[in-house]
């Protein structure tokens, strides 16, 4: 049977993993917002002239 200190440490470790995952997710979302073509889209093939001719939607 684990002690209260061990249980608290295990819970804190789990919370830390969740926070780290959330930070990585937020960083990925920020990257996608700043650079829409940083990550390949599964729906469409990458375009060649994206840097020269940015879309007008922005």
N, C-alpha and C. Protein backbone atom coordinates (compact mmCIF):
# COMPACT_ATOMS: atom_id res chain seq x y z
N UNK A 1 0.86 -1.20 0.00
CA UNK A 1 0.00 0.00 0.00
C UNK A 1 0.89 1.24 0.00
N UNK A 2 0.62 2.16 -0.89
CA UNK A 2 1.47 3.33 -1.00
C UNK A 2 1.10 4.37 0.05
N UNK A 3 2.08 5.12 0.46
CA UNK A 3 1.84 6.15 1.46
C UNK A 3 1.19 7.36 0.81
N UNK A 4 0.74 8.27 1.66
CA UNK A 4 0.13 9.49 1.14
C UNK A 4 1.15 10.29 0.32
N UNK A 5 2.41 10.30 0.77
CA UNK A 5 3.44 11.03 0.04
C UNK A 5 3.67 10.42 -1.34
N UNK A 6 3.67 9.09 -1.42
CA UNK A 6 3.86 8.43 -2.71
C UNK A 6 2.68 8.72 -3.64
N UNK A 7 1.47 8.69 -3.08
CA UNK A 7 0.29 8.96 -3.90
C UNK A 7 0.32 10.40 -4.42
N UNK A 8 0.71 11.33 -3.55
CA UNK A 8 0.77 12.73 -3.97
C UNK A 8 1.82 12.92 -5.07
N UNK A 9 2.97 12.28 -4.91
CA UNK A 9 4.00 12.39 -5.93
C UNK A 9 3.54 11.82 -7.25
N UNK A 10 2.83 10.70 -7.21
CA UNK A 10 2.33 10.09 -8.43
C UNK A 10 1.31 10.99 -9.10
N UNK A 11 0.44 11.61 -8.30
CA UNK A 11 -0.56 12.51 -8.87
C UNK A 11 0.10 13.75 -9.47
N UNK A 12 1.10 14.28 -8.78
CA UNK A 12 1.79 15.46 -9.31
C UNK A 12 2.50 15.12 -10.62
N UNK A 13 3.06 13.92 -10.71
CA UNK A 13 3.73 13.53 -11.95
C UNK A 13 2.72 13.44 -13.09
N UNK A 14 1.54 12.91 -12.80
CA UNK A 14 0.51 12.80 -13.83
C UNK A 14 0.05 14.19 -14.27
N UNK A 15 -0.13 15.09 -13.31
CA UNK A 15 -0.54 16.45 -13.64
C UNK A 15 0.53 17.13 -14.49
N UNK A 16 1.79 16.90 -14.15
CA UNK A 16 2.87 17.49 -14.93
C UNK A 16 2.86 17.00 -16.36
N UNK A 17 2.56 15.71 -16.56
CA UNK A 17 2.50 15.18 -17.92
C UNK A 17 1.36 15.83 -18.69
N UNK A 18 0.22 16.01 -18.02
CA UNK A 18 -0.92 16.63 -18.69
C UNK A 18 -0.60 18.08 -19.06
N UNK A 19 0.04 18.80 -18.14
CA UNK A 19 0.39 20.20 -18.42
C UNK A 19 1.39 20.28 -19.57
N UNK A 20 2.35 19.36 -19.60
CA UNK A 20 3.33 19.37 -20.68
C UNK A 20 2.65 19.10 -22.02
N UNK A 21 1.71 18.14 -22.02
CA UNK A 21 0.97 17.85 -23.25
C UNK A 21 0.16 19.06 -23.69
N UNK A 22 -0.45 19.75 -22.73
CA UNK A 22 -1.25 20.93 -23.07
C UNK A 22 -0.37 22.02 -23.66
N UNK A 23 0.83 22.19 -23.11
CA UNK A 23 1.73 23.21 -23.64
C UNK A 23 2.16 22.86 -25.06
N UNK A 24 2.44 21.58 -25.30
CA UNK A 24 2.84 21.17 -26.65
C UNK A 24 1.70 21.39 -27.63
N UNK A 25 0.47 21.08 -27.18
CA UNK A 25 -0.69 21.27 -28.05
C UNK A 25 -0.88 22.75 -28.36
N UNK A 26 -0.76 23.60 -27.33
CA UNK A 26 -0.92 25.04 -27.54
C UNK A 26 0.16 25.57 -28.48
N UNK A 27 1.38 25.07 -28.33
CA UNK A 27 2.46 25.51 -29.20
C UNK A 27 2.19 25.09 -30.65
N UNK A 28 1.66 23.89 -30.83
CA UNK A 28 1.35 23.44 -32.19
C UNK A 28 0.23 24.27 -32.80
N UNK A 29 -0.77 24.59 -32.00
CA UNK A 29 -1.88 25.41 -32.51
C UNK A 29 -1.37 26.80 -32.87
N UNK A 30 -0.52 27.38 -32.01
CA UNK A 30 0.04 28.70 -32.30
C UNK A 30 0.86 28.66 -33.58
N UNK A 31 1.64 27.60 -33.75
CA UNK A 31 2.46 27.47 -34.96
C UNK A 31 1.58 27.39 -36.19
N UNK A 32 0.49 26.63 -36.10
CA UNK A 32 -0.40 26.49 -37.26
C UNK A 32 -1.09 27.81 -37.58
N UNK A 33 -1.39 28.59 -36.53
CA UNK A 33 -2.04 29.88 -36.77
C UNK A 33 -1.07 30.87 -37.40
N UNK A 34 0.18 30.85 -36.95
CA UNK A 34 1.16 31.80 -37.48
C UNK A 34 1.63 31.38 -38.87
N UNK A 35 1.83 30.08 -39.06
CA UNK A 35 2.32 29.56 -40.34
C UNK A 35 1.38 28.45 -40.80
N UNK A 36 0.36 28.79 -41.58
CA UNK A 36 -0.64 27.79 -41.97
C UNK A 36 -0.05 26.61 -42.73
N UNK A 37 1.10 26.78 -43.35
CA UNK A 37 1.67 25.70 -44.15
C UNK A 37 2.84 25.01 -43.45
N UNK A 38 2.99 25.26 -42.14
CA UNK A 38 4.09 24.64 -41.42
C UNK A 38 3.88 23.13 -41.32
N UNK A 39 2.63 22.72 -41.11
CA UNK A 39 2.32 21.30 -41.03
C UNK A 39 1.54 20.90 -42.27
N UNK A 40 1.86 19.76 -42.85
CA UNK A 40 1.16 19.33 -44.07
C UNK A 40 -0.30 19.03 -43.78
N UNK A 41 -1.17 19.45 -44.65
CA UNK A 41 -2.59 19.18 -44.49
C UNK A 41 -2.92 17.83 -45.11
N UNK A 42 -3.70 17.02 -44.43
CA UNK A 42 -4.02 15.70 -45.01
C UNK A 42 -4.98 15.78 -46.18
N UNK A 43 -5.66 16.92 -46.35
CA UNK A 43 -6.70 17.02 -47.38
C UNK A 43 -6.14 17.43 -48.74
N UNK A 44 -5.07 18.22 -48.74
CA UNK A 44 -4.60 18.74 -50.02
C UNK A 44 -3.08 18.59 -50.11
N UNK A 45 -2.56 18.38 -51.31
CA UNK A 45 -1.11 18.26 -51.48
C UNK A 45 -0.45 19.63 -51.28
N UNK A 46 0.80 19.64 -50.85
CA UNK A 46 1.49 20.92 -50.67
C UNK A 46 1.65 21.66 -51.99
N UNK A 47 1.49 22.96 -51.93
CA UNK A 47 1.61 23.77 -53.14
C UNK A 47 3.03 24.33 -53.24
N UNK A 48 3.48 24.59 -54.46
CA UNK A 48 4.86 25.03 -54.66
C UNK A 48 5.01 26.53 -54.43
N UNK A 49 4.04 27.33 -54.86
CA UNK A 49 4.19 28.78 -54.88
C UNK A 49 3.53 29.46 -53.68
N UNK A 50 3.41 28.73 -52.56
CA UNK A 50 2.69 29.30 -51.42
C UNK A 50 3.44 30.50 -50.84
N UNK A 51 4.78 30.45 -50.82
CA UNK A 51 5.53 31.57 -50.24
C UNK A 51 5.43 32.81 -51.13
N UNK A 52 5.39 32.61 -52.44
CA UNK A 52 5.36 33.75 -53.35
C UNK A 52 3.96 34.36 -53.42
N UNK A 53 2.95 33.52 -53.34
CA UNK A 53 1.58 34.01 -53.48
C UNK A 53 0.74 33.52 -52.29
N UNK A 54 0.78 34.26 -51.19
CA UNK A 54 -0.02 33.84 -50.03
C UNK A 54 -1.51 33.95 -50.35
N UNK A 55 -2.32 33.12 -49.71
CA UNK A 55 -3.78 33.18 -49.96
C UNK A 55 -4.36 34.50 -49.47
N UNK A 56 -5.46 34.91 -50.06
CA UNK A 56 -6.06 36.19 -49.71
C UNK A 56 -6.93 36.10 -48.47
N UNK A 57 -7.11 34.91 -47.93
CA UNK A 57 -8.01 34.74 -46.79
C UNK A 57 -7.48 35.36 -45.52
N UNK A 58 -6.17 35.57 -45.44
CA UNK A 58 -5.63 36.08 -44.17
C UNK A 58 -5.86 37.57 -44.06
